Amino acid sequence: MVQVTRKDEREANENIIRRFNRKVLQSGVLAEAKTAMRFAKPISKPERRKKAIIRKARKAEKFDKTRLGL
């Protein structure tokens, strides 16, 4: 949903921004976008374990490289 805010004659830019922000908050577009960003599909335990093992290995590899100065 697109929010349109038009400038009236002799209206300050701050007022336009304030009106636009109020419209966006009231419409709920921002809240929907934030919840969509945080949503993660549920995964099984074995998949989570595999990903954790991979993360741990990558972190150890990175630590080893920094310790060697690479």
C-alpha atoms as a PDB file:
ATOM      1  CA  MET A   1       0.000   0.000   0.000  1.00  0.00           C
ATOM      2  CA  VAL A   2       1.471   3.330  -1.091  1.00  0.00           C
ATOM      3  CA  GLN A   3       1.081   6.343   1.175  1.00  0.00           C
ATOM      4  CA  VAL A   4       0.690   9.615  -0.715  1.00  0.00           C
ATOM      5  CA  THR A   5       1.251  12.935   1.023  1.00  0.00           C
ATOM      6  CA  ARG A   6       0.825  16.099  -0.991  1.00  0.00           C
ATOM      7  CA  LYS A   7       2.249  19.450   0.016  1.00  0.00           C
ATOM      8  CA  ASP A   8      -0.247  22.210   0.716  1.00  0.00           C
ATOM      9  CA  GLU A   9       0.576  25.826  -0.052  1.00  0.00           C
ATOM     10  CA  ARG A  10       2.839  27.477   2.534  1.00  0.00           C
ATOM     11  CA  GLU A  11       3.333  24.230   4.473  1.00  0.00           C
ATOM     12  CA  ALA A  12       6.661  23.497   6.126  1.00  0.00           C
ATOM     13  CA  ASN A  13       8.607  20.377   5.147  1.00  0.00           C
ATOM     14  CA  GLU A  14       8.628  19.199   8.771  1.00  0.00           C
ATOM     15  CA  ASN A  15       4.822  19.156   8.785  1.00  0.00           C
ATOM     16  CA  ILE A  16       4.754  17.067   5.610  1.00  0.00           C
ATOM     17  CA  ILE A  17       7.164  14.540   7.096  1.00  0.00           C
ATOM     18  CA  ARG A  18       5.137  14.414  10.324  1.00  0.00           C
ATOM     19  CA  ARG A  19       1.889  13.807   8.403  1.00  0.00           C
ATOM     20  CA  PHE A  20       3.528  11.110   6.273  1.00  0.00           C
ATOM     21  CA  ASN A  21       4.941   9.317   9.339  1.00  0.00           C
ATOM     22  CA  ARG A  22       1.553   9.420  11.037  1.00  0.00           C
ATOM     23  CA  LYS A  23      -0.147   7.931   7.943  1.00  0.00           C
ATOM     24  CA  VAL A  24       2.422   5.140   7.724  1.00  0.00           C
ATOM     25  CA  LEU A  25       2.032   4.274  11.410  1.00  0.00           C
ATOM     26  CA  GLN A  26      -1.755   4.284  11.207  1.00  0.00           C
ATOM     27  CA  SER A  27      -1.823   2.098   8.097  1.00  0.00           C
ATOM     28  CA  GLY A  28       0.297  -0.624   9.764  1.00  0.00           C
ATOM     29  CA  VAL A  29       2.553  -1.143   6.740  1.00  0.00           C
ATOM     30  CA  LEU A  30       5.724  -0.743   8.778  1.00  0.00           C
ATOM     31  CA  ALA A  31       4.583  -3.220  11.439  1.00  0.00           C
ATOM     32  CA  GLU A  32       3.754  -5.814   8.773  1.00  0.00           C
ATOM     33  CA  ALA A  33       7.158  -5.394   7.147  1.00  0.00           C
ATOM     34  CA  LYS A  34       8.960  -5.816  10.480  1.00  0.00           C
ATOM     35  CA  THR A  35       7.051  -8.987  11.363  1.00  0.00           C
ATOM     36  CA  ALA A  36       7.748 -10.413   7.900  1.00  0.00           C
ATOM     37  CA  MET A  37      11.465  -9.753   8.361  1.00  0.00           C
ATOM     38  CA  ARG A  38      11.547 -11.596  11.692  1.00  0.00           C
ATOM     39  CA  PHE A  39       9.572 -14.628  10.523  1.00  0.00           C
ATOM     40  CA  ALA A  40      11.576 -17.830  10.216  1.00  0.00           C
ATOM     41  CA  LYS A  41      10.262 -21.131   8.950  1.00  0.00           C
ATOM     42  CA  PRO A  42      10.376 -23.872  11.572  1.00  0.00           C
ATOM     43  CA  ILE A  43      13.133 -26.427  10.916  1.00  0.00           C
ATOM     44  CA  SER A  44      13.770 -29.843  12.405  1.00  0.00           C
ATOM     45  CA  LYS A  45      16.291 -30.570  15.138  1.00  0.00           C
ATOM     46  CA  PRO A  46      18.746 -32.454  12.913  1.00  0.00           C
ATOM     47  CA  GLU A  47      18.828 -29.561  10.429  1.00  0.00           C
ATOM     48  CA  ARG A  48      19.442 -27.088  13.252  1.00  0.00           C
ATOM     49  CA  ARG A  49      22.273 -29.252  14.557  1.00  0.00           C
ATOM     50  CA  LYS A  50      23.877 -29.490  11.120  1.00  0.00           C
ATOM     51  CA  LYS A  51      23.717 -25.721  10.703  1.00  0.00           C
ATOM     52  CA  ALA A  52      25.195 -25.205  14.173  1.00  0.00           C
ATOM     53  CA  ILE A  53      28.079 -27.558  13.374  1.00  0.00           C
ATOM     54  CA  ILE A  54      28.773 -25.695  10.125  1.00  0.00           C
ATOM     55  CA  ARG A  55      28.668 -22.331  11.947  1.00  0.00           C
ATOM     56  CA  LYS A  56      31.043 -23.601  14.614  1.00  0.00           C
ATOM     57  CA  ALA A  57      33.482 -24.934  12.009  1.00  0.00           C
ATOM     58  CA  ARG A  58      33.447 -21.667  10.046  1.00  0.00           C
ATOM     59  CA  LYS A  59      34.017 -19.661  13.214  1.00  0.00           C
ATOM     60  CA  ALA A  60      36.967 -21.884  14.194  1.00  0.00           C
ATOM     61  CA  GLU A  61      38.440 -21.589  10.694  1.00  0.00           C
ATOM     62  CA  LYS A  62      38.115 -17.801  10.785  1.00  0.00           C
ATOM     63  CA  PHE A  63      39.738 -17.695  14.234  1.00  0.00           C
ATOM     64  CA  ASP A  64      42.637 -19.855  13.027  1.00  0.00           C
ATOM     65  CA  LYS A  65      43.201 -17.603  10.000  1.00  0.00           C
ATOM     66  CA  THR A  66      43.234 -14.451  12.117  1.00  0.00           C
ATOM     67  CA  ARG A  67      45.638 -16.079  14.551  1.00  0.00           C
ATOM     68  CA  LEU A  68      48.002 -16.934  11.673  1.00  0.00           C
ATOM     69  CA  GLY A  69      47.638 -13.425  10.265  1.00  0.00           C
ATOM     70  CA  LEU A  70      45.993 -14.392   6.984  1.00  0.00           C
END
